[in-house]
PDB file of N, CA and C in Angstrom:
ATOM      1  N   MET A   1       0.967  -1.284   0.069  1.00  0.00           N
ATOM      2  CA  MET A   1      -0.055   0.032   0.085  1.00  0.00           C
ATOM      3  C   MET A   1       0.942   1.140  -0.225  1.00  0.00           C
ATOM      4  N   THR A   2       0.378   2.261  -0.741  1.00  0.00           N
ATOM      5  CA  THR A   2       1.306   3.322  -0.719  1.00  0.00           C
ATOM      6  C   THR A   2       1.041   4.358   0.471  1.00  0.00           C
ATOM      7  N   LYS A   3       1.966   5.198   0.812  1.00  0.00           N
ATOM      8  CA  LYS A   3       1.710   6.199   1.759  1.00  0.00           C
ATOM      9  C   LYS A   3       0.900   7.184   1.575  1.00  0.00           C
ATOM     10  N   ASP A   4       0.415   7.516   0.152  1.00  0.00           N
ATOM     11  CA  ASP A   4      -0.414   8.770  -0.010  1.00  0.00           C
ATOM     12  C   ASP A   4      -2.047   8.460  -0.088  1.00  0.00           C
ATOM     13  N   ARG A   5      -2.384   7.076   0.401  1.00  0.00           N
ATOM     14  CA  ARG A   5      -3.813   6.913   0.634  1.00  0.00           C
ATOM     15  C   ARG A   5      -3.920   6.772   2.020  1.00  0.00           C
ATOM     16  N   ALA A   6      -5.285   7.022   2.216  1.00  0.00           N
ATOM     17  CA  ALA A   6      -5.971   6.643   3.604  1.00  0.00           C
ATOM     18  C   ALA A   6      -5.887   5.362   4.013  1.00  0.00           C
ATOM     19  N   ILE A   7      -5.491   4.836   5.134  1.00  0.00           N
ATOM     20  CA  ILE A   7      -5.629   3.787   5.481  1.00  0.00           C
ATOM     21  C   ILE A   7      -6.477   3.314   6.549  1.00  0.00           C
ATOM     22  N   THR A   8      -7.510   2.157   6.538  1.00  0.00           N
ATOM     23  CA  THR A   8      -8.313   2.009   7.621  1.00  0.00           C
ATOM     24  C   THR A   8      -7.812   0.475   8.120  1.00  0.00           C
ATOM     25  N   VAL A   9      -8.019   0.797   9.531  1.00  0.00           N
ATOM     26  CA  VAL A   9      -7.463  -0.607  10.323  1.00  0.00           C
ATOM     27  C   VAL A   9      -8.807  -1.236  10.750  1.00  0.00           C
ATOM     28  N   LEU A  10      -8.842  -2.606  10.253  1.00  0.00           N
ATOM     29  CA  LEU A  10     -10.006  -3.341  10.698  1.00  0.00           C
ATOM     30  C   LEU A  10      -9.640  -4.478  11.771  1.00  0.00           C
ATOM     31  N   GLU A  11     -10.222  -4.522  13.073  1.00  0.00           N
ATOM     32  CA  GLU A  11      -9.853  -5.534  13.798  1.00  0.00           C
ATOM     33  C   GLU A  11     -10.989  -6.464  13.630  1.00  0.00           C
ATOM     34  N   VAL A  12     -10.419  -7.813  13.471  1.00  0.00           N
ATOM     35  CA  VAL A  12     -11.409  -9.189  13.238  1.00  0.00           C
ATOM     36  C   VAL A  12     -11.152 -10.094  14.320  1.00  0.00           C
ATOM     37  N   LYS A  13     -12.411 -10.435  14.926  1.00  0.00           N
ATOM     38  CA  LYS A  13     -12.446 -11.306  16.039  1.00  0.00           C
ATOM     39  C   LYS A  13     -12.637 -12.777  15.542  1.00  0.00           C
ATOM     40  N   PHE A  14     -11.927 -13.865  16.083  1.00  0.00           N
ATOM     41  CA  PHE A  14     -12.182 -15.067  15.828  1.00  0.00           C
ATOM     42  C   PHE A  14     -12.849 -15.813  17.067  1.00  0.00           C
ATOM     43  N   THR A  15     -13.802 -16.584  16.724  1.00  0.00           N
ATOM     44  CA  THR A  15     -14.349 -17.335  17.842  1.00  0.00           C
ATOM     45  C   THR A  15     -14.337 -18.841  17.209  1.00  0.00           C
ATOM     46  N   GLU A  16     -14.462 -19.895  18.142  1.00  0.00           N
ATOM     47  CA  GLU A  16     -14.753 -21.219  17.523  1.00  0.00           C
ATOM     48  C   GLU A  16     -15.756 -21.921  18.325  1.00  0.00           C
ATOM     49  N   ARG A  17     -16.930 -22.590  17.768  1.00  0.00           N
ATOM     50  CA  ARG A  17     -17.694 -23.169  18.228  1.00  0.00           C
ATOM     51  C   ARG A  17     -18.147 -24.402  17.725  1.00  0.00           C
ATOM     52  N   ASP A  18     -18.357 -25.550  18.305  1.00  0.00           N
ATOM     53  CA  ASP A  18     -18.786 -26.774  17.780  1.00  0.00           C
ATOM     54  C   ASP A  18     -17.811 -27.126  16.427  1.00  0.00           C
ATOM     55  N   GLY A  19     -16.586 -26.716  16.551  1.00  0.00           N
ATOM     56  CA  GLY A  19     -15.577 -27.086  15.544  1.00  0.00           C
ATOM     57  C   GLY A  19     -15.696 -26.126  14.348  1.00  0.00           C
ATOM     58  N   ILE A  20     -16.293 -25.091  14.280  1.00  0.00           N
ATOM     59  CA  ILE A  20     -16.513 -24.276  13.271  1.00  0.00           C
ATOM     60  C   ILE A  20     -15.913 -22.649  13.620  1.00  0.00           C
ATOM     61  N   VAL A  21     -15.073 -22.406  12.892  1.00  0.00           N
ATOM     62  CA  VAL A  21     -14.232 -21.033  13.192  1.00  0.00           C
ATOM     63  C   VAL A  21     -15.335 -19.728  12.656  1.00  0.00           C
ATOM     64  N   TYR A  22     -15.385 -18.686  13.410  1.00  0.00           N
ATOM     65  CA  TYR A  22     -16.216 -17.511  13.015  1.00  0.00           C
ATOM     66  C   TYR A  22     -15.310 -16.444  12.946  1.00  0.00           C
ATOM     67  N   ALA A  23     -15.525 -15.558  11.962  1.00  0.00           N
ATOM     68  CA  ALA A  23     -14.782 -14.184  12.191  1.00  0.00           C
ATOM     69  C   ALA A  23     -15.788 -13.240  11.992  1.00  0.00           C
ATOM     70  N   SER A  24     -15.748 -12.068  12.742  1.00  0.00           N
ATOM     71  CA  SER A  24     -16.603 -10.735  12.676  1.00  0.00           C
ATOM     72  C   SER A  24     -15.714  -9.590  12.896  1.00  0.00           C
ATOM     73  N   SER A  25     -16.283  -8.541  12.482  1.00  0.00           N
ATOM     74  CA  SER A  25     -15.659  -7.202  13.175  1.00  0.00           C
ATOM     75  C   SER A  25     -16.570  -6.079  13.334  1.00  0.00           C
ATOM     76  N   VAL A  26     -16.427  -5.648  14.308  1.00  0.00           N
ATOM     77  CA  VAL A  26     -17.447  -4.355  14.599  1.00  0.00           C
ATOM     78  C   VAL A  26     -17.189  -3.063  13.668  1.00  0.00           C
ATOM     79  N   ASP A  27     -15.919  -3.157  13.029  1.00  0.00           N
ATOM     80  CA  ASP A  27     -15.202  -2.170  12.215  1.00  0.00           C
ATOM     81  C   ASP A  27     -15.903  -2.116  10.838  1.00  0.00           C
ATOM     82  N   LEU A  28     -16.421  -3.210  10.387  1.00  0.00           N
ATOM     83  CA  LEU A  28     -17.098  -3.407   9.280  1.00  0.00           C
ATOM     84  C   LEU A  28     -18.406  -4.160   9.074  1.00  0.00           C
ATOM     85  N   PRO A  29     -19.382  -3.448   9.343  1.00  0.00           N
ATOM     86  CA  PRO A  29     -20.760  -4.022   9.521  1.00  0.00           C
ATOM     87  C   PRO A  29     -21.103  -5.121   8.075  1.00  0.00           C
ATOM     88  N   GLY A  30     -21.700  -6.370   8.660  1.00  0.00           N
ATOM     89  CA  GLY A  30     -22.004  -7.125   7.815  1.00  0.00           C
ATOM     90  C   GLY A  30     -20.822  -8.198   7.577  1.00  0.00           C
ATOM     91  N   LEU A  31     -19.622  -8.101   8.065  1.00  0.00           N
ATOM     92  CA  LEU A  31     -18.465  -8.971   7.988  1.00  0.00           C
ATOM     93  C   LEU A  31     -18.678 -10.140   8.943  1.00  0.00           C
ATOM     94  N   HIS A  32     -19.285 -11.405   8.442  1.00  0.00           N
ATOM     95  CA  HIS A  32     -19.393 -12.470   9.168  1.00  0.00           C
ATOM     96  C   HIS A  32     -18.967 -13.570   8.561  1.00  0.00           C
ATOM     97  N   ILE A  33     -18.049 -14.407   8.797  1.00  0.00           N
ATOM     98  CA  ILE A  33     -17.601 -15.426   7.744  1.00  0.00           C
ATOM     99  C   ILE A  33     -17.387 -16.658   8.713  1.00  0.00           C
ATOM    100  N   CYS A  34     -17.530 -17.778   8.287  1.00  0.00           N
ATOM    101  CA  CYS A  34     -17.155 -19.002   8.883  1.00  0.00           C
ATOM    102  C   CYS A  34     -16.508 -19.957   8.038  1.00  0.00           C
ATOM    103  N   GLY A  35     -15.857 -21.038   8.740  1.00  0.00           N
ATOM    104  CA  GLY A  35     -15.164 -22.093   8.009  1.00  0.00           C
ATOM    105  C   GLY A  35     -14.737 -23.141   8.722  1.00  0.00           C
ATOM    106  N   LYS A  36     -14.029 -24.135   8.453  1.00  0.00           N
ATOM    107  CA  LYS A  36     -13.573 -25.453   9.167  1.00  0.00           C
ATOM    108  C   LYS A  36     -12.444 -25.140   9.912  1.00  0.00           C
ATOM    109  N   SER A  37     -11.518 -24.085   9.580  1.00  0.00           N
ATOM    110  CA  SER A  37     -10.133 -23.884  10.227  1.00  0.00           C
ATOM    111  C   SER A  37     -10.119 -22.338  10.122  1.00  0.00           C
ATOM    112  N   ARG A  38      -9.170 -21.887  10.988  1.00  0.00           N
ATOM    113  CA  ARG A  38      -8.953 -20.504  11.203  1.00  0.00           C
ATOM    114  C   ARG A  38      -8.055 -20.053   9.792  1.00  0.00           C
ATOM    115  N   LYS A  39      -7.493 -21.022   9.162  1.00  0.00           N
ATOM    116  CA  LYS A  39      -6.628 -20.674   8.013  1.00  0.00           C
ATOM    117  C   LYS A  39      -7.777 -20.495   6.908  1.00  0.00           C
ATOM    118  N   ASP A  40      -8.551 -21.343   6.824  1.00  0.00           N
ATOM    119  CA  ASP A  40      -9.756 -21.140   5.729  1.00  0.00           C
ATOM    120  C   ASP A  40     -10.305 -19.829   5.949  1.00  0.00           C
ATOM    121  N   VAL A  41     -10.616 -19.452   7.004  1.00  0.00           N
ATOM    122  CA  VAL A  41     -11.404 -18.239   7.189  1.00  0.00           C
ATOM    123  C   VAL A  41     -10.417 -17.054   6.976  1.00  0.00           C
ATOM    124  N   SER A  42      -9.250 -17.231   7.449  1.00  0.00           N
ATOM    125  CA  SER A  42      -8.341 -15.978   6.921  1.00  0.00           C
ATOM    126  C   SER A  42      -8.057 -15.843   5.745  1.00  0.00           C
ATOM    127  N   THR A  43      -7.974 -16.894   4.954  1.00  0.00           N
ATOM    128  CA  THR A  43      -7.821 -16.941   3.446  1.00  0.00           C
ATOM    129  C   THR A  43      -8.960 -16.107   2.648  1.00  0.00           C
ATOM    130  N   ASP A  44      -9.947 -16.258   3.214  1.00  0.00           N
ATOM    131  CA  ASP A  44     -11.270 -15.691   2.608  1.00  0.00           C
ATOM    132  C   ASP A  44     -11.630 -14.141   2.926  1.00  0.00           C
ATOM    133  N   LEU A  45     -10.986 -14.110   4.106  1.00  0.00           N
ATOM    134  CA  LEU A  45     -11.265 -12.422   4.831  1.00  0.00           C
ATOM    135  C   LEU A  45     -10.996 -11.340   3.725  1.00  0.00           C
ATOM    136  N   PRO A  46      -9.725 -11.205   3.126  1.00  0.00           N
ATOM    137  CA  PRO A  46      -9.470 -10.111   2.401  1.00  0.00           C
ATOM    138  C   PRO A  46     -10.584 -10.022   1.122  1.00  0.00           C
ATOM    139  N   ILE A  47     -11.082 -11.052   0.660  1.00  0.00           N
ATOM    140  CA  ILE A  47     -12.081 -11.209  -0.447  1.00  0.00           C
ATOM    141  C   ILE A  47     -13.219 -10.518   0.034  1.00  0.00           C
ATOM    142  N   MET A  48     -13.560 -10.940   1.424  1.00  0.00           N
ATOM    143  CA  MET A  48     -14.922 -10.564   1.943  1.00  0.00           C
ATOM    144  C   MET A  48     -14.894  -8.989   2.251  1.00  0.00           C
ATOM    145  N   ILE A  49     -13.796  -8.677   2.856  1.00  0.00           N
ATOM    146  CA  ILE A  49     -13.554  -7.186   3.123  1.00  0.00           C
ATOM    147  C   ILE A  49     -13.570  -6.350   1.868  1.00  0.00           C
ATOM    148  N   LYS A  50     -13.003  -6.810   1.025  1.00  0.00           N
ATOM    149  CA  LYS A  50     -13.050  -5.914  -0.516  1.00  0.00           C
ATOM    150  C   LYS A  50     -14.645  -5.928  -0.743  1.00  0.00           C
ATOM    151  N   THR A  51     -15.156  -6.984  -0.905  1.00  0.00           N
ATOM    152  CA  THR A  51     -16.587  -7.027  -1.364  1.00  0.00           C
ATOM    153  C   THR A  51     -17.500  -6.353  -0.596  1.00  0.00           C
ATOM    154  N   LEU A  52     -17.307  -6.277   0.639  1.00  0.00           N
ATOM    155  CA  LEU A  52     -18.139  -5.439   1.637  1.00  0.00           C
ATOM    156  C   LEU A  52     -18.052  -3.968   1.181  1.00  0.00           C
ATOM    157  N   TYR A  53     -16.764  -3.633   1.153  1.00  0.00           N
ATOM    158  CA  TYR A  53     -16.348  -2.095   0.807  1.00  0.00           C
ATOM    159  C   TYR A  53     -17.018  -1.832  -0.603  1.00  0.00           C
ATOM    160  N   ARG A  54     -16.928  -2.599  -1.293  1.00  0.00           N
ATOM    161  CA  ARG A  54     -17.448  -2.382  -2.667  1.00  0.00           C
ATOM    162  C   ARG A  54     -19.106  -2.159  -2.717  1.00  0.00           C
ATOM    163  N   LEU A  55     -19.809  -3.220  -1.955  1.00  0.00           N
ATOM    164  CA  LEU A  55     -21.244  -3.173  -1.668  1.00  0.00           C
ATOM    165  C   LEU A  55     -21.611  -2.158  -0.890  1.00  0.00           C
ATOM    166  N   ASN A  56     -21.057  -2.020   0.397  1.00  0.00           N
ATOM    167  CA  ASN A  56     -21.468  -0.721   1.374  1.00  0.00           C
ATOM    168  C   ASN A  56     -21.037   0.600   1.045  1.00  0.00           C
ATOM    169  N   ASN A  57     -20.045   0.742   0.345  1.00  0.00           N
ATOM    170  CA  ASN A  57     -19.470   2.057   0.252  1.00  0.00           C
ATOM    171  C   ASN A  57     -19.165   2.531  -1.134  1.00  0.00           C
ATOM    172  N   GLY A  58     -19.325   1.603  -1.999  1.00  0.00           N
ATOM    173  CA  GLY A  58     -19.272   1.895  -3.476  1.00  0.00           C
ATOM    174  C   GLY A  58     -17.641   2.110  -3.968  1.00  0.00           C
ATOM    175  N   ILE A  59     -17.017   1.609  -3.245  1.00  0.00           N
ATOM    176  CA  ILE A  59     -15.201   1.829  -3.481  1.00  0.00           C
ATOM    177  C   ILE A  59     -14.552   0.346  -3.499  1.00  0.00           C
ATOM    178  N   GLU A  60     -13.725   0.437  -4.270  1.00  0.00           N
ATOM    179  CA  GLU A  60     -12.531  -0.688  -4.431  1.00  0.00           C
ATOM    180  C   GLU A  60     -11.460  -0.295  -3.442  1.00  0.00           C
ATOM    181  N   VAL A  61     -11.314  -1.399  -2.650  1.00  0.00           N
ATOM    182  CA  VAL A  61      -9.902  -1.317  -1.637  1.00  0.00           C
ATOM    183  C   VAL A  61      -9.126  -2.392  -1.973  1.00  0.00           C
ATOM    184  N   ASP A  62      -7.690  -2.016  -1.540  1.00  0.00           N
ATOM    185  CA  ASP A  62      -6.680  -3.229  -1.373  1.00  0.00           C
ATOM    186  C   ASP A  62      -6.794  -3.561  -0.011  1.00  0.00           C
ATOM    187  N   VAL A  63      -6.504  -4.780   0.256  1.00  0.00           N
ATOM    188  CA  VAL A  63      -6.720  -5.365   1.592  1.00  0.00           C
ATOM    189  C   VAL A  63      -5.282  -6.285   1.931  1.00  0.00           C
ATOM    190  N   GLU A  64      -4.536  -6.080   3.009  1.00  0.00           N
ATOM    191  CA  GLU A  64      -3.581  -6.922   3.404  1.00  0.00           C
ATOM    192  C   GLU A  64      -3.709  -7.047   5.106  1.00  0.00           C
ATOM    193  N   PRO A  65      -3.009  -8.071   5.450  1.00  0.00           N
ATOM    194  CA  PRO A  65      -2.905  -8.249   6.936  1.00  0.00           C
ATOM    195  C   PRO A  65      -2.233  -7.042   7.366  1.00  0.00           C
ATOM    196  N   ALA A  66      -2.511  -6.773   8.592  1.00  0.00           N
ATOM    197  CA  ALA A  66      -1.421  -5.726   9.297  1.00  0.00           C
ATOM    198  C   ALA A  66      -0.507  -6.449  10.084  1.00  0.00           C
ATOM    199  N   LEU A  67       0.645  -6.570   9.718  1.00  0.00           N
ATOM    200  CA  LEU A  67       1.503  -7.412  10.434  1.00  0.00           C
ATOM    201  C   LEU A  67       2.205  -6.537  11.578  1.00  0.00           C
ATOM    202  N   ALA A  68       1.805  -6.487  12.581  1.00  0.00           N
ATOM    203  CA  ALA A  68       2.549  -5.543  13.728  1.00  0.00           C
ATOM    204  C   ALA A  68       2.771  -6.315  15.028  1.00  0.00           C
ATOM    205  N   PRO A  69       4.227  -6.680  15.113  1.00  0.00           N
ATOM    206  CA  PRO A  69       4.594  -7.364  16.270  1.00  0.00           C
ATOM    207  C   PRO A  69       4.283  -6.851  17.443  1.00  0.00           C
ATOM    208  N   ASP A  70       4.152  -5.716  17.623  1.00  0.00           N
ATOM    209  CA  ASP A  70       3.802  -4.869  18.798  1.00  0.00           C
ATOM    210  C   ASP A  70       2.267  -4.828  19.041  1.00  0.00           C
ATOM    211  N   PHE A  71       1.436  -5.629  18.454  1.00  0.00           N
ATOM    212  CA  PHE A  71      -0.010  -5.546  18.643  1.00  0.00           C
ATOM    213  C   PHE A  71      -0.470  -5.806  19.937  1.00  0.00           C
ATOM    214  N   LYS A  72      -1.518  -4.960  20.387  1.00  0.00           N
ATOM    215  CA  LYS A  72      -1.912  -5.250  21.745  1.00  0.00           C
ATOM    216  C   LYS A  72      -3.393  -5.310  21.659  1.00  0.00           C
ATOM    217  N   LYS A  73      -3.872  -6.230  22.418  1.00  0.00           N
ATOM    218  CA  LYS A  73      -5.436  -6.455  22.362  1.00  0.00           C
ATOM    219  C   LYS A  73      -6.019  -4.961  22.886  1.00  0.00           C
ATOM    220  N   PRO A  74      -7.065  -4.692  22.298  1.00  0.00           N
ATOM    221  CA  PRO A  74      -7.860  -3.316  22.692  1.00  0.00           C
ATOM    222  C   PRO A  74      -8.333  -3.689  24.252  1.00  0.00           C
ATOM    223  N   ALA A  75      -8.169  -2.720  25.053  1.00  0.00           N
ATOM    224  CA  ALA A  75      -8.446  -2.822  26.558  1.00  0.00           C
ATOM    225  C   ALA A  75      -9.922  -3.145  26.724  1.00  0.00           C
ATOM    226  N   ASN A  76     -10.899  -2.796  25.802  1.00  0.00           N
ATOM    227  CA  ASN A  76     -12.369  -3.133  25.930  1.00  0.00           C
ATOM    228  C   ASN A  76     -12.975  -4.395  25.353  1.00  0.00           C
ATOM    229  N   LYS A  77     -11.846  -5.280  24.875  1.00  0.00           N
ATOM    230  CA  LYS A  77     -12.243  -6.549  24.177  1.00  0.00           C
ATOM    231  C   LYS A  77     -11.367  -7.627  24.999  1.00  0.00           C
ATOM    232  N   PRO A  78     -12.276  -8.406  25.802  1.00  0.00           N
ATOM    233  CA  PRO A  78     -11.430  -9.207  26.746  1.00  0.00           C
ATOM    234  C   PRO A  78     -11.033 -10.608  26.294  1.00  0.00           C
ATOM    235  N   SER A  79     -11.412 -10.977  24.967  1.00  0.00           N
ATOM    236  CA  SER A  79     -10.863 -12.090  24.539  1.00  0.00           C
ATOM    237  C   SER A  79      -9.390 -12.342  24.516  1.00  0.00           C
ATOM    238  N   ALA A  80      -8.965 -13.406  24.203  1.00  0.00           N
ATOM    239  CA  ALA A  80      -7.332 -13.703  24.248  1.00  0.00           C
ATOM    240  C   ALA A  80      -7.066 -13.106  22.801  1.00  0.00           C
ATOM    241  N   ILE A  81      -5.594 -12.513  23.042  1.00  0.00           N
ATOM    242  CA  ILE A  81      -5.016 -11.719  21.956  1.00  0.00           C
ATOM    243  C   ILE A  81      -4.957 -12.690  20.714  1.00  0.00           C
ATOM    244  N   SER A  82      -4.830 -13.794  20.713  1.00  0.00           N
ATOM    245  CA  SER A  82      -4.731 -14.867  19.569  1.00  0.00           C
ATOM    246  C   SER A  82      -5.982 -14.786  18.797  1.00  0.00           C
ATOM    247  N   ASN A  83      -7.144 -14.380  19.306  1.00  0.00           N
ATOM    248  CA  ASN A  83      -8.376 -14.402  18.801  1.00  0.00           C
ATOM    249  C   ASN A  83      -8.613 -13.021  17.894  1.00  0.00           C
ATOM    250  N   TRP A  84      -7.695 -12.161  17.743  1.00  0.00           N
ATOM    251  CA  TRP A  84      -7.793 -10.990  17.080  1.00  0.00           C
ATOM    252  C   TRP A  84      -6.559 -10.786  15.807  1.00  0.00           C
ATOM    253  N   VAL A  85      -6.931 -10.399  14.892  1.00  0.00           N
ATOM    254  CA  VAL A  85      -6.234  -9.969  13.818  1.00  0.00           C
ATOM    255  C   VAL A  85      -6.433  -8.681  13.031  1.00  0.00           C
ATOM    256  N   ARG A  86      -5.687  -7.869  12.675  1.00  0.00           N
ATOM    257  CA  ARG A  86      -5.988  -6.599  12.033  1.00  0.00           C
ATOM    258  C   ARG A  86      -5.621  -6.744  10.685  1.00  0.00           C
ATOM    259  N   PHE A  87      -6.545  -6.051   9.809  1.00  0.00           N
ATOM    260  CA  PHE A  87      -6.315  -5.841   8.324  1.00  0.00           C
ATOM    261  C   PHE A  87      -6.468  -4.325   7.947  1.00  0.00           C
ATOM    262  N   LEU A  88      -5.588  -4.114   6.902  1.00  0.00           N
ATOM    263  CA  LEU A  88      -5.611  -2.569   6.449  1.00  0.00           C
ATOM    264  C   LEU A  88      -6.489  -2.719   5.046  1.00  0.00           C
ATOM    265  N   ALA A  89      -7.138  -1.434   5.035  1.00  0.00           N
ATOM    266  CA  ALA A  89      -7.728  -1.409   3.795  1.00  0.00           C
ATOM    267  C   ALA A  89      -7.516  -0.002   3.140  1.00  0.00           C
ATOM    268  N   ALA A  90      -7.409   0.270   1.940  1.00  0.00           N
ATOM    269  CA  ALA A  90      -7.042   1.403   1.401  1.00  0.00           C
ATOM    270  C   ALA A  90      -7.571   1.477   0.182  1.00  0.00           C
ATOM    271  N   PRO A  91      -8.132   2.789  -0.451  1.00  0.00           N
ATOM    272  CA  PRO A  91      -8.516   2.795  -1.795  1.00  0.00           C
ATOM    273  C   PRO A  91      -7.841   2.185  -2.745  1.00  0.00           C
ATOM    274  N   SER A  92      -8.328   1.486  -3.803  1.00  0.00           N
ATOM    275  CA  SER A  92      -7.357   0.807  -4.723  1.00  0.00           C
ATOM    276  C   SER A  92      -6.495   1.985  -5.605  1.00  0.00           C
ATOM    277  N   VAL A  93      -5.404   1.451  -6.001  1.00  0.00           N
ATOM    278  CA  VAL A  93      -4.635   2.342  -6.908  1.00  0.00           C
ATOM    279  C   VAL A  93      -5.259   2.824  -8.187  1.00  0.00           C
ATOM    280  N   LEU A  94      -6.121   1.889  -8.837  1.00  0.00           N
ATOM    281  CA  LEU A  94      -6.795   2.446  -9.952  1.00  0.00           C
ATOM    282  C   LEU A  94      -7.930   3.505  -9.476  1.00  0.00           C
ATOM    283  N   GLN A  95      -8.589   3.382  -8.190  1.00  0.00           N
ATOM    284  CA  GLN A  95      -9.560   4.228  -7.806  1.00  0.00           C
ATOM    285  C   GLN A  95      -8.993   5.553  -7.375  1.00  0.00           C
ATOM    286  N   ALA A  96      -7.933   5.440  -6.759  1.00  0.00           N
ATOM    287  CA  ALA A  96      -7.153   6.612  -6.243  1.00  0.00           C
ATOM    288  C   ALA A  96      -6.754   7.545  -7.246  1.00  0.00           C
ATOM    289  N   ALA A  97      -6.422   7.142  -8.444  1.00  0.00           N
ATOM    290  CA  ALA A  97      -5.837   7.823  -9.545  1.00  0.00           C
ATOM    291  C   ALA A  97      -6.889   8.740 -10.228  1.00  0.00           C
TER     292      ALA A  97
END
């Protein structure tokens, strides 16, 4: 992602129930996805984030995981830190031009 584009950080929460992994985010209404493993769900998340931005906001975005080694769990979110992941979303290069 380039530095001249606005970047949105989305925090995604993972939960597991009855052998199914669920992911959702209060930062992106409508983001609810599930699968058999965290890897499966994580693979589909960028596609779902892009789709929801296009449907909800009418914009194309580039999405990538936010790989921050100093990531700290938000104080108001009591679940284990391993249940959270951050994604970055920014207007796509084609749309920003």
